[in-house]
N, C-alpha and C. Protein backbone atom coordinates (compact mmCIF):
# COMPACT_ATOMS: atom_id res chain seq x y z
N MET A 1 24.17 -18.28 -0.04
CA MET A 1 22.96 -18.51 -0.80
C MET A 1 22.60 -17.25 -1.57
N GLY A 2 22.46 -16.13 -0.91
CA GLY A 2 22.23 -14.85 -1.55
C GLY A 2 20.96 -14.80 -2.39
N VAL A 3 20.90 -13.77 -3.22
CA VAL A 3 19.72 -13.54 -4.06
C VAL A 3 19.52 -14.69 -5.04
N ASN A 4 20.61 -15.21 -5.60
CA ASN A 4 20.46 -16.31 -6.55
C ASN A 4 19.91 -17.56 -5.88
N GLY A 5 20.34 -17.83 -4.66
CA GLY A 5 19.81 -18.97 -3.92
C GLY A 5 18.34 -18.79 -3.60
N ALA A 6 17.97 -17.57 -3.24
CA ALA A 6 16.56 -17.29 -2.96
C ALA A 6 15.73 -17.47 -4.23
N ALA A 7 16.27 -17.04 -5.36
CA ALA A 7 15.57 -17.20 -6.63
C ALA A 7 15.42 -18.68 -6.97
N ALA A 8 16.44 -19.46 -6.69
CA ALA A 8 16.36 -20.91 -6.94
C ALA A 8 15.27 -21.54 -6.08
N ALA A 9 15.15 -21.09 -4.83
CA ALA A 9 14.09 -21.60 -3.96
C ALA A 9 12.71 -21.22 -4.51
N LEU A 10 12.59 -20.02 -5.05
CA LEU A 10 11.33 -19.61 -5.68
C LEU A 10 11.02 -20.51 -6.87
N ASP A 11 12.03 -20.72 -7.71
CA ASP A 11 11.85 -21.54 -8.91
C ASP A 11 11.42 -22.96 -8.56
N ALA A 12 11.95 -23.48 -7.46
CA ALA A 12 11.65 -24.86 -7.06
C ALA A 12 10.36 -24.96 -6.25
N GLY A 13 9.72 -23.83 -5.99
CA GLY A 13 8.49 -23.85 -5.23
C GLY A 13 8.70 -24.00 -3.73
N ARG A 14 9.94 -23.81 -3.25
CA ARG A 14 10.23 -23.92 -1.83
C ARG A 14 10.06 -22.58 -1.11
N ALA A 15 9.80 -21.51 -1.87
CA ALA A 15 9.59 -20.18 -1.29
C ALA A 15 8.55 -19.45 -2.12
N ALA A 16 7.82 -18.56 -1.46
CA ALA A 16 6.82 -17.75 -2.16
C ALA A 16 7.28 -16.31 -2.31
N ALA A 17 8.33 -15.93 -1.57
CA ALA A 17 8.83 -14.56 -1.61
C ALA A 17 10.30 -14.59 -1.24
N MET A 18 10.97 -13.47 -1.49
CA MET A 18 12.39 -13.36 -1.14
C MET A 18 12.70 -11.94 -0.71
N VAL A 19 13.78 -11.78 0.04
CA VAL A 19 14.28 -10.47 0.44
C VAL A 19 15.70 -10.37 -0.09
N GLY A 20 16.06 -9.22 -0.63
CA GLY A 20 17.41 -9.05 -1.13
C GLY A 20 17.69 -7.60 -1.43
N ASP A 21 18.93 -7.32 -1.80
CA ASP A 21 19.27 -5.95 -2.17
C ASP A 21 18.52 -5.59 -3.45
N LYS A 22 18.22 -4.31 -3.58
CA LYS A 22 17.35 -3.87 -4.68
C LYS A 22 17.91 -4.21 -6.05
N ALA A 23 19.21 -4.01 -6.26
CA ALA A 23 19.79 -4.27 -7.59
C ALA A 23 19.63 -5.74 -7.96
N GLY A 24 20.05 -6.63 -7.07
CA GLY A 24 19.96 -8.06 -7.37
C GLY A 24 18.53 -8.54 -7.49
N ALA A 25 17.67 -8.08 -6.57
CA ALA A 25 16.27 -8.52 -6.60
C ALA A 25 15.55 -7.99 -7.84
N THR A 26 15.92 -6.79 -8.30
CA THR A 26 15.29 -6.24 -9.50
C THR A 26 15.62 -7.08 -10.72
N VAL A 27 16.87 -7.51 -10.82
CA VAL A 27 17.26 -8.38 -11.94
C VAL A 27 16.49 -9.69 -11.86
N ILE A 28 16.48 -10.31 -10.69
CA ILE A 28 15.78 -11.58 -10.50
C ILE A 28 14.29 -11.40 -10.78
N ALA A 29 13.71 -10.31 -10.30
CA ALA A 29 12.28 -10.05 -10.51
C ALA A 29 11.96 -9.94 -11.99
N THR A 30 12.81 -9.27 -12.75
CA THR A 30 12.60 -9.11 -14.18
C THR A 30 12.69 -10.46 -14.89
N GLU A 31 13.67 -11.25 -14.51
CA GLU A 31 13.88 -12.55 -15.16
C GLU A 31 12.78 -13.57 -14.82
N ARG A 32 12.16 -13.44 -13.64
CA ARG A 32 11.24 -14.48 -13.16
C ARG A 32 9.81 -13.99 -12.96
N SER A 33 9.44 -12.90 -13.53
CA SER A 33 8.08 -12.38 -13.42
C SER A 33 7.65 -12.20 -11.97
N LEU A 34 8.49 -11.51 -11.19
CA LEU A 34 8.17 -11.16 -9.81
C LEU A 34 7.85 -9.68 -9.75
N SER A 35 7.19 -9.26 -8.70
CA SER A 35 6.98 -7.84 -8.49
C SER A 35 7.61 -7.45 -7.16
N ILE A 36 8.09 -6.23 -7.07
CA ILE A 36 8.67 -5.72 -5.83
C ILE A 36 7.50 -5.28 -4.95
N ALA A 37 7.34 -5.94 -3.80
CA ALA A 37 6.21 -5.66 -2.92
C ALA A 37 6.49 -4.50 -1.99
N ALA A 38 7.74 -4.34 -1.56
CA ALA A 38 8.05 -3.28 -0.61
C ALA A 38 9.54 -3.01 -0.61
N VAL A 39 9.89 -1.75 -0.39
CA VAL A 39 11.27 -1.37 -0.13
C VAL A 39 11.36 -1.23 1.38
N ILE A 40 12.29 -1.97 2.01
CA ILE A 40 12.28 -2.04 3.47
C ILE A 40 13.45 -1.34 4.16
N ALA A 41 14.38 -0.81 3.41
CA ALA A 41 15.50 -0.07 4.00
C ALA A 41 16.12 0.83 2.95
N GLN A 42 16.84 1.83 3.40
CA GLN A 42 17.45 2.78 2.47
C GLN A 42 18.60 2.17 1.69
N ARG A 43 19.03 1.02 2.05
CA ARG A 43 20.19 0.42 1.40
C ARG A 43 20.02 0.18 -0.07
N PRO A 44 19.04 -0.02 -0.72
CA PRO A 44 17.72 -0.47 -0.27
C PRO A 44 17.57 -1.98 -0.44
N TYR A 45 16.87 -2.56 0.48
CA TYR A 45 16.48 -3.96 0.37
C TYR A 45 15.01 -3.99 -0.01
N VAL A 46 14.62 -5.01 -0.72
CA VAL A 46 13.24 -5.12 -1.16
C VAL A 46 12.74 -6.54 -0.90
N ILE A 47 11.44 -6.70 -0.95
CA ILE A 47 10.82 -8.01 -0.89
C ILE A 47 10.17 -8.23 -2.24
N ALA A 48 10.52 -9.31 -2.90
CA ALA A 48 9.95 -9.62 -4.22
C ALA A 48 9.02 -10.82 -4.08
N VAL A 49 7.88 -10.74 -4.73
CA VAL A 49 6.84 -11.77 -4.64
C VAL A 49 6.40 -12.12 -6.05
N ARG A 50 6.05 -13.37 -6.27
CA ARG A 50 5.54 -13.76 -7.58
C ARG A 50 4.38 -12.86 -7.99
N LYS A 51 4.37 -12.42 -9.25
CA LYS A 51 3.27 -11.58 -9.72
C LYS A 51 1.94 -12.31 -9.64
N SER A 52 1.99 -13.62 -9.67
CA SER A 52 0.77 -14.42 -9.58
C SER A 52 0.28 -14.56 -8.14
N ALA A 53 0.96 -13.92 -7.18
CA ALA A 53 0.58 -14.02 -5.78
C ALA A 53 0.37 -12.63 -5.16
N PRO A 54 -0.56 -11.84 -5.72
CA PRO A 54 -0.76 -10.50 -5.17
C PRO A 54 -1.25 -10.52 -3.74
N ASP A 55 -1.90 -11.60 -3.33
CA ASP A 55 -2.37 -11.70 -1.95
C ASP A 55 -1.19 -11.72 -0.98
N ILE A 56 -0.11 -12.40 -1.35
CA ILE A 56 1.08 -12.42 -0.51
C ILE A 56 1.73 -11.04 -0.48
N ALA A 57 1.83 -10.40 -1.63
CA ALA A 57 2.41 -9.05 -1.70
C ALA A 57 1.62 -8.09 -0.82
N ASN A 58 0.30 -8.15 -0.90
CA ASN A 58 -0.55 -7.26 -0.10
C ASN A 58 -0.41 -7.55 1.39
N ALA A 59 -0.33 -8.82 1.75
CA ALA A 59 -0.19 -9.20 3.17
C ALA A 59 1.14 -8.70 3.73
N ILE A 60 2.21 -8.86 2.96
CA ILE A 60 3.52 -8.38 3.41
C ILE A 60 3.51 -6.87 3.55
N SER A 61 2.98 -6.19 2.55
CA SER A 61 2.92 -4.74 2.59
C SER A 61 2.10 -4.25 3.78
N ASP A 62 0.95 -4.85 3.99
CA ASP A 62 0.08 -4.46 5.11
C ASP A 62 0.76 -4.71 6.46
N ALA A 63 1.44 -5.86 6.59
CA ALA A 63 2.11 -6.19 7.85
C ALA A 63 3.26 -5.23 8.13
N LEU A 64 4.05 -4.91 7.11
CA LEU A 64 5.15 -3.97 7.30
C LEU A 64 4.63 -2.58 7.64
N ARG A 65 3.59 -2.15 6.94
CA ARG A 65 3.01 -0.83 7.21
C ARG A 65 2.49 -0.76 8.65
N ALA A 66 1.82 -1.81 9.10
CA ALA A 66 1.29 -1.83 10.47
C ALA A 66 2.43 -1.82 11.49
N ALA A 67 3.48 -2.59 11.23
CA ALA A 67 4.63 -2.63 12.15
C ALA A 67 5.34 -1.28 12.20
N LEU A 68 5.46 -0.62 11.06
CA LEU A 68 6.07 0.71 11.04
C LEU A 68 5.20 1.72 11.77
N ASN A 69 3.90 1.70 11.50
CA ASN A 69 2.99 2.67 12.11
C ASN A 69 2.88 2.50 13.62
N SER A 70 2.98 1.26 14.09
CA SER A 70 2.87 1.01 15.53
C SER A 70 4.15 1.30 16.28
N GLY A 71 5.26 1.44 15.57
CA GLY A 71 6.56 1.66 16.20
C GLY A 71 7.26 0.36 16.55
N GLU A 72 6.65 -0.77 16.20
CA GLU A 72 7.20 -2.08 16.53
C GLU A 72 8.60 -2.28 15.94
N ILE A 73 8.80 -1.86 14.70
CA ILE A 73 10.11 -2.03 14.07
C ILE A 73 11.15 -1.14 14.75
N ARG A 74 10.80 0.10 15.00
CA ARG A 74 11.72 1.01 15.70
C ARG A 74 12.06 0.46 17.09
N ASP A 75 11.04 0.00 17.81
CA ASP A 75 11.25 -0.50 19.16
C ASP A 75 12.13 -1.74 19.19
N ALA A 76 12.10 -2.55 18.15
CA ALA A 76 12.96 -3.74 18.08
C ALA A 76 14.36 -3.36 17.60
N ALA A 77 14.47 -2.38 16.73
CA ALA A 77 15.75 -2.02 16.15
C ALA A 77 16.67 -1.32 17.15
N ILE A 78 16.12 -0.44 17.94
CA ILE A 78 16.95 0.38 18.84
C ILE A 78 17.70 -0.48 19.88
N PRO A 79 17.03 -1.36 20.63
CA PRO A 79 17.79 -2.17 21.60
C PRO A 79 18.79 -3.12 20.94
N ALA A 80 18.53 -3.50 19.69
CA ALA A 80 19.43 -4.40 18.99
C ALA A 80 20.58 -3.66 18.32
N ALA A 81 20.62 -2.33 18.51
CA ALA A 81 21.64 -1.47 17.91
C ALA A 81 21.63 -1.58 16.39
N PHE A 82 20.45 -1.83 15.83
CA PHE A 82 20.28 -1.90 14.38
C PHE A 82 19.97 -0.49 13.90
N PRO A 83 20.67 0.00 12.90
CA PRO A 83 20.38 1.37 12.44
C PRO A 83 18.93 1.49 11.96
N TYR A 84 18.24 2.47 12.49
CA TYR A 84 16.83 2.64 12.13
C TYR A 84 16.63 4.03 11.56
N GLU A 85 15.99 4.09 10.40
CA GLU A 85 15.58 5.35 9.78
C GLU A 85 14.11 5.23 9.48
N ALA A 86 13.34 6.16 9.99
CA ALA A 86 11.91 6.15 9.69
C ALA A 86 11.71 6.39 8.20
N PRO A 87 10.83 5.62 7.58
CA PRO A 87 10.58 5.83 6.15
C PRO A 87 9.82 7.12 5.89
């Protein structure tokens, strides 16, 4: 499915946001009037949200910030052997 599949779901109204690699999501965001709400990894992956939905972008950003600040993401990543780098 990838970034193009996620974009198709956005276009069809089946999704309000998507996660993807920064390069692909940036192209999709430019083509579809999306904004990048957050960069979530050094790879980098981003979350793109419709520009007409700033409430969703703010909610995602606030939730990620809270999870990072509380250590919740680090605590979940370490036992799962997922590489974790503090932002």
